Amino acid sequence: MQKTSTPFSGKSIGKSSAKALAAAHAPKAAQVIEELRPGQSIELLKELHILTREGKLNQDTRRKLKQVYHLYHFIAPLLEEAAAKGQGFSLADHGAGKSYLGFILYDLFFNVAHAGQKPSGRIYGIETRAELVEKSRALAARLGFANMSFLNLTVADATLSDALPPTVDIVTALHACDTATDDAIAFGLARGARHMVLVPCCQAEVAGVLKKFRALNLNRNPLAELWRHPLHTREFGSQITNVLRCLQLEANGYQVTVTELVGWEHSMKNELILASRPATPNPAKTVAAQTRLRQVLDELGLGELAARFAVAAARP
């Protein structure tokens, strides 16, 4: 076999070894990230730690990106519908945290889907931690995301705040823990939201009430076996919480769809609740949902939570 000299040693090596050695010392090619959309802000993805500082994507952040894309798949048509009105749409993201969701939605809608255009609309991030609000404001300014606002408000304060429009087109809450999802629903009802997109997380309030009245319920209702054991109390409490939320939305005139956000291999907190107010209300369905909501609360001994899952007063 023909030998090839190498500057790294005085020895001769075979052609195949020489090729392997050359490949090992060649400059690394940039990672091709098929998940990224043309026009997407690389700087934003680095700031959100989806991409590393070297512009690479690891397996964990690839899963996060997949979740956001899947959620955008559901939200994008709602944004298009709201933008088509030509009056400037509004989206309020509750429990925004670092505004991960809001920034990605903005980038994909304004900078990718509508590159070179200027749809009128605004995304609001609502968060109680002042330091996160300030960081989000600074990042939006640095990236030139002019149609974003960040408000240091509780949900209750946001409901009354004139920093938000009287009517909000879309309300989102991604992994809003415990009663934060209920607060986002209450905000959406008060502001006459056309759509709500909710991914609940870590529900504990209903489970606490089930536990408190467990002995009484076991005596009067054999179905209380569903939550007799502590593990079942937690799991059933989480499940019935979302059932009650869906009933509450239907009892307020919304059409509700429940689906998975992504596959269970990516996240156990995976339930996605989509609620839309139809252009033509169906009073009969609304009244039927109100009746079922009261019946479920009574049957499960959850009467003290009636205010939490109440039907809002009709907007004028």
Protein backbone atom coordinates (compact mmCIF):
# COMPACT_ATOMS: atom_id res chain seq x y z
CA MET A 1 0.00 0.00 0.00
CA GLN A 2 1.31 3.49 -0.85
CA LYS A 3 2.49 5.39 2.23
CA THR A 4 1.97 9.07 2.93
CA SER A 5 4.22 11.23 5.10
CA THR A 6 2.68 13.38 7.76
CA PRO A 7 4.18 16.45 9.39
CA PHE A 8 3.03 15.24 12.82
CA SER A 9 5.51 12.40 12.93
CA GLY A 10 8.38 10.94 11.05
CA LYS A 11 6.35 7.86 10.23
CA SER A 12 4.45 6.96 7.11
CA ILE A 13 0.76 6.12 7.32
CA GLY A 14 -1.82 4.65 4.94
CA LYS A 15 -4.12 6.77 2.78
CA SER A 16 -7.19 5.93 4.89
CA SER A 17 -5.39 6.96 8.09
CA ALA A 18 -4.24 10.19 6.46
CA LYS A 19 -7.84 11.05 5.50
CA ALA A 20 -9.07 10.35 9.03
CA LEU A 21 -6.31 12.52 10.48
CA ALA A 22 -7.10 15.37 8.07
CA ALA A 23 -10.82 15.16 8.92
CA ALA A 24 -10.09 15.32 12.62
CA HIS A 25 -8.15 18.57 12.21
CA ALA A 26 -10.47 20.18 9.66
CA PRO A 27 -12.64 23.12 10.78
CA LYS A 28 -16.01 21.93 12.10
CA ALA A 29 -18.95 22.70 9.83
CA ALA A 30 -21.69 24.81 11.33
CA GLN A 31 -24.56 22.80 12.76
CA VAL A 32 -27.49 22.68 10.37
CA ILE A 33 -30.60 23.28 12.46
CA GLU A 34 -33.54 22.16 10.40
CA GLU A 35 -36.04 23.29 13.06
CA LEU A 36 -35.28 26.99 12.61
CA ARG A 37 -37.52 29.01 10.31
CA PRO A 38 -36.06 31.41 7.72
CA GLY A 39 -35.87 34.88 9.21
CA GLN A 40 -36.08 33.70 12.82
CA SER A 41 -34.03 35.80 15.27
CA ILE A 42 -30.90 33.86 16.22
CA GLU A 43 -30.08 36.46 18.88
CA LEU A 44 -33.48 35.93 20.50
CA LEU A 45 -33.03 32.16 20.59
CA LYS A 46 -29.64 32.63 22.24
CA GLU A 47 -31.08 35.04 24.81
CA LEU A 48 -33.80 32.52 25.64
CA HIS A 49 -31.12 29.78 25.91
CA ILE A 50 -32.73 27.74 23.16
CA LEU A 51 -29.50 28.08 21.19
CA THR A 52 -26.10 28.03 22.84
CA ARG A 53 -23.79 31.03 22.48
CA GLU A 54 -22.18 29.11 19.63
CA GLY A 55 -25.55 28.88 17.90
CA LYS A 56 -26.09 25.17 18.55
CA LEU A 57 -29.20 23.27 19.62
CA ASN A 58 -29.09 20.42 22.13
CA GLN A 59 -31.66 17.70 22.69
CA ASP A 60 -33.34 19.40 25.64
CA THR A 61 -33.76 22.75 23.91
CA ARG A 62 -34.88 20.97 20.74
CA ARG A 63 -37.80 19.57 22.77
CA LYS A 64 -38.63 23.05 24.10
CA LEU A 65 -38.56 24.48 20.60
CA LYS A 66 -40.87 21.70 19.41
CA GLN A 67 -43.37 22.57 22.16
CA VAL A 68 -43.38 26.25 21.22
CA TYR A 69 -43.78 25.52 17.50
CA HIS A 70 -46.67 23.18 18.25
CA LEU A 71 -48.35 25.84 20.39
CA TYR A 72 -47.75 28.44 17.68
CA HIS A 73 -49.51 26.09 15.25
CA PHE A 74 -52.68 26.55 17.32
CA ILE A 75 -52.25 30.27 18.02
CA ALA A 76 -51.19 31.48 14.55
CA PRO A 77 -54.68 31.15 12.98
CA LEU A 78 -56.13 33.11 15.90
CA LEU A 79 -53.56 35.88 15.36
CA GLU A 80 -54.31 35.94 11.63
CA GLU A 81 -58.04 36.17 12.31
CA ALA A 82 -57.58 38.99 14.83
CA ALA A 83 -55.12 40.85 12.55
CA ALA A 84 -57.54 40.60 9.62
CA LYS A 85 -59.95 42.91 11.44
CA GLY A 86 -57.51 45.73 10.73
CA GLN A 87 -58.03 47.35 14.12
CA GLY A 88 -54.90 46.11 15.84
CA PHE A 89 -55.14 42.80 17.67
CA SER A 90 -54.14 42.26 21.30
CA LEU A 91 -52.74 39.14 22.97
CA ALA A 92 -52.24 39.00 26.74
CA ASP A 93 -49.84 36.37 28.07
CA HIS A 94 -50.42 35.77 31.79
CA GLY A 95 -47.72 34.51 34.13
CA ALA A 96 -45.29 35.45 31.39
CA GLY A 97 -42.12 34.85 33.41
CA LYS A 98 -39.25 35.63 31.02
CA SER A 99 -41.88 36.06 28.25
CA TYR A 100 -40.50 33.01 26.48
CA LEU A 101 -43.85 32.39 24.77
CA GLY A 102 -44.55 36.04 23.92
CA PHE A 103 -41.15 36.59 22.31
CA ILE A 104 -41.36 33.44 20.18
CA LEU A 105 -44.92 34.27 19.09
CA TYR A 106 -43.84 37.79 18.15
CA ASP A 107 -40.82 36.59 16.19
CA LEU A 108 -42.70 33.89 14.29
CA PHE A 109 -45.70 36.09 13.49
CA PHE A 110 -44.18 39.51 12.78
CA ASN A 111 -40.66 38.61 11.59
CA VAL A 112 -41.26 35.26 9.86
CA ALA A 113 -44.89 34.92 8.77
CA HIS A 114 -45.25 38.62 7.96
CA ALA A 115 -41.69 39.60 7.08
CA GLY A 116 -41.63 43.00 5.40
CA GLN A 117 -45.20 43.75 6.46
CA LYS A 118 -46.51 45.65 9.45
CA PRO A 119 -49.60 43.97 10.90
CA SER A 120 -51.11 46.15 13.59
CA GLY A 121 -51.21 44.32 16.89
CA ARG A 122 -49.57 44.10 20.29
CA ILE A 123 -48.45 41.30 22.59
CA TYR A 124 -48.61 42.00 26.33
CA GLY A 125 -46.58 40.03 28.86
CA ILE A 126 -48.12 40.19 32.34
CA GLU A 127 -45.84 39.16 35.21
CA THR A 128 -45.66 39.89 38.96
CA ARG A 129 -41.84 39.72 39.26
CA ALA A 130 -40.51 43.19 38.49
CA GLU A 131 -36.99 42.03 37.62
CA LEU A 132 -38.29 39.72 34.88
CA VAL A 133 -40.46 42.49 33.46
CA GLU A 134 -37.45 44.83 33.26
CA LYS A 135 -35.31 42.18 31.56
CA SER A 136 -38.05 41.52 29.00
CA ARG A 137 -38.41 45.24 28.28
CA ALA A 138 -34.67 45.57 27.75
CA LEU A 139 -34.55 42.53 25.44
CA ALA A 140 -37.51 43.74 23.35
CA ALA A 141 -35.82 47.14 22.95
CA ARG A 142 -32.52 45.52 21.94
CA LEU A 143 -34.20 43.29 19.36
CA GLY A 144 -36.46 46.02 17.99
CA PHE A 145 -39.66 44.17 18.96
CA ALA A 146 -41.65 47.40 19.07
CA ASN A 147 -45.11 45.84 19.36
CA MET A 148 -44.50 44.25 22.75
CA SER A 149 -45.41 45.61 26.19
CA PHE A 150 -44.52 44.16 29.59
CA LEU A 151 -46.63 44.92 32.64
CA ASN A 152 -45.66 44.33 36.28
CA LEU A 153 -49.18 43.45 37.44
CA THR A 154 -51.14 40.75 39.19
CA VAL A 155 -53.99 39.24 37.21
CA ALA A 156 -56.48 41.07 39.43
CA ASP A 157 -54.74 44.40 38.78
CA ALA A 158 -54.45 43.63 35.05
CA THR A 159 -58.21 43.05 34.89
CA LEU A 160 -58.78 46.67 35.95
CA SER A 161 -55.69 48.26 34.36
CA ASP A 162 -56.09 50.83 31.58
CA ALA A 163 -52.64 49.78 30.29
CA LEU A 164 -54.50 47.03 28.44
CA PRO A 165 -57.30 47.52 25.90
CA PRO A 166 -60.89 47.12 27.18
CA THR A 167 -61.32 44.01 25.03
CA VAL A 168 -58.49 41.51 24.48
CA ASP A 169 -58.53 39.23 21.44
CA ILE A 170 -56.43 36.36 22.80
CA VAL A 171 -55.42 35.29 26.31
CA THR A 172 -52.61 32.77 26.79
CA ALA A 173 -51.24 31.08 29.90
CA LEU A 174 -48.45 28.55 29.43
CA HIS A 175 -47.78 26.24 32.39
CA ALA A 176 -49.59 28.63 34.74
CA CYS A 177 -49.33 26.89 38.12
CA ASP A 178 -52.24 26.02 40.41
CA THR A 179 -54.86 28.81 40.40
CA ALA A 180 -52.95 31.03 37.94
CA THR A 181 -54.82 29.39 35.06
CA ASP A 182 -58.13 30.21 36.78
CA ASP A 183 -56.96 33.81 37.20
CA ALA A 184 -56.15 33.98 33.49
CA ILE A 185 -59.62 32.65 32.68
CA ALA A 186 -61.19 35.25 34.98
CA PHE A 187 -59.20 37.96 33.18
CA GLY A 188 -60.31 36.65 29.79
CA LEU A 189 -63.95 36.61 30.85
CA ALA A 190 -63.73 40.13 32.27
CA ARG A 191 -62.04 41.45 29.10
CA GLY A 192 -64.34 39.61 26.70
CA ALA A 193 -61.52 37.58 25.16
CA ARG A 194 -62.38 36.07 21.79
CA HIS A 195 -59.98 33.17 22.35
CA MET A 196 -58.14 31.57 25.29
CA VAL A 197 -55.19 29.20 24.92
CA LEU A 198 -54.28 27.53 28.22
CA VAL A 199 -51.70 24.95 29.29
CA PRO A 200 -52.44 24.31 33.00
CA CYS A 201 -49.89 23.09 35.52
CA CYS A 202 -49.61 21.81 39.11
CA GLN A 203 -53.22 22.08 40.26
CA ALA A 204 -53.58 21.68 44.05
CA GLU A 205 -56.58 23.71 45.21
CA VAL A 206 -59.31 21.23 44.22
CA ALA A 207 -57.31 18.29 45.61
CA GLY A 208 -57.12 20.11 48.95
CA VAL A 209 -60.90 20.45 49.12
CA LEU A 210 -61.41 16.82 48.10
CA LYS A 211 -59.08 15.73 50.89
CA LYS A 212 -60.81 17.90 53.48
CA PHE A 213 -64.21 16.29 52.88
CA ARG A 214 -62.99 12.80 51.96
CA ALA A 215 -64.59 10.97 54.92
CA LEU A 216 -67.94 12.70 54.46
CA ASN A 217 -68.00 11.96 50.74
CA LEU A 218 -67.10 8.29 51.24
CA ASN A 219 -70.23 7.90 53.37
CA ARG A 220 -72.57 9.42 50.81
CA ASN A 221 -71.01 8.82 47.39
CA PRO A 222 -69.28 5.59 46.28
CA LEU A 223 -67.49 7.55 43.53
CA ALA A 224 -65.40 9.11 46.29
CA GLU A 225 -63.29 5.95 45.97
CA LEU A 226 -61.76 7.77 42.98
CA TRP A 227 -59.90 10.02 45.40
CA ARG A 228 -59.70 7.99 48.63
CA HIS A 229 -55.96 7.37 48.41
CA PRO A 230 -53.62 10.42 48.58
CA LEU A 231 -52.02 9.71 45.19
CA HIS A 232 -55.45 9.38 43.59
CA THR A 233 -56.58 12.56 45.36
CA ARG A 234 -53.78 14.48 43.70
CA GLU A 235 -54.27 12.97 40.26
CA PHE A 236 -58.07 13.10 40.32
CA GLY A 237 -57.93 16.65 41.70
CA SER A 238 -55.75 17.72 38.78
CA GLN A 239 -58.04 16.03 36.26
CA ILE A 240 -61.29 17.40 37.68
CA THR A 241 -59.79 20.90 37.91
CA ASN A 242 -59.39 21.01 34.14
CA VAL A 243 -62.82 19.46 33.62
CA LEU A 244 -64.31 22.26 35.74
CA ARG A 245 -62.36 24.88 33.79
CA CYS A 246 -63.73 23.57 30.52
CA LEU A 247 -67.27 23.56 31.92
CA GLN A 248 -66.79 27.09 33.19
CA LEU A 249 -65.71 28.28 29.76
CA GLU A 250 -68.64 26.51 28.11
CA ALA A 251 -70.98 27.96 30.74
CA ASN A 252 -69.73 31.38 29.63
CA GLY A 253 -70.54 30.73 25.98
CA TYR A 254 -67.20 29.40 24.70
CA GLN A 255 -66.63 26.41 22.46
CA VAL A 256 -63.88 24.28 24.01
CA THR A 257 -61.40 21.81 22.56
CA VAL A 258 -58.99 19.80 24.71
CA THR A 259 -55.93 18.21 23.14
CA GLU A 260 -52.27 17.38 23.75
CA LEU A 261 -49.65 20.09 23.43
CA VAL A 262 -46.92 17.61 22.46
CA GLY A 263 -46.27 13.92 23.00
CA TRP A 264 -46.14 12.71 26.60
CA GLU A 265 -42.47 11.86 26.15
CA HIS A 266 -41.73 15.61 26.15
CA SER A 267 -43.83 16.83 29.08
CA MET A 268 -46.26 15.36 31.62
CA LYS A 269 -47.99 18.75 31.90
CA ASN A 270 -49.34 18.34 28.45
CA GLU A 271 -52.99 19.34 28.35
CA LEU A 272 -53.94 22.17 26.00
CA ILE A 273 -57.31 23.89 26.43
CA LEU A 274 -58.51 25.95 23.47
CA ALA A 275 -61.60 28.10 24.00
CA SER A 276 -63.24 30.36 21.41
CA ARG A 277 -66.33 32.51 21.63
CA PRO A 278 -68.52 31.72 18.58
CA ALA A 279 -69.78 34.52 16.36
CA THR A 280 -73.31 33.23 16.92
CA PRO A 281 -73.93 32.24 20.57
CA ASN A 282 -75.89 29.11 21.40
CA PRO A 283 -77.88 29.97 24.56
CA ALA A 284 -79.18 26.42 24.99
CA LYS A 285 -75.66 24.94 25.13
CA THR A 286 -74.54 27.67 27.49
CA VAL A 287 -77.41 27.03 29.93
CA ALA A 288 -76.82 23.26 29.75
CA ALA A 289 -73.14 23.77 30.62
CA GLN A 290 -74.10 26.00 33.56
CA THR A 291 -76.36 23.23 34.87
CA ARG A 292 -73.67 20.54 34.48
CA LEU A 293 -71.10 22.75 36.20
CA ARG A 294 -73.31 23.16 39.27
CA GLN A 295 -74.12 19.45 39.31
CA VAL A 296 -70.46 18.39 39.17
CA LEU A 297 -69.50 20.79 41.98
CA ASP A 298 -72.36 19.51 44.14
CA GLU A 299 -71.75 15.83 43.38
CA LEU A 300 -68.08 16.02 44.30
CA GLY A 301 -68.58 18.14 47.42
CA LEU A 302 -66.80 21.13 45.89
CA GLY A 303 -69.50 23.69 46.58
CA GLU A 304 -67.07 26.05 48.31
CA LEU A 305 -65.28 26.48 44.97
CA ALA A 306 -68.39 27.73 43.18
CA ALA A 307 -67.01 31.29 43.14
CA ARG A 308 -63.74 30.09 41.60
CA PHE A 309 -65.58 28.48 38.68
CA ALA A 310 -68.39 31.02 38.49
CA VAL A 311 -70.21 32.24 35.44
CA ALA A 312 -69.25 35.84 34.73
CA ALA A 313 -71.85 38.54 34.41
CA ALA A 314 -72.77 39.22 30.79
CA ARG A 315 -70.81 42.07 29.20
CA PRO A 316 -72.93 45.00 28.02
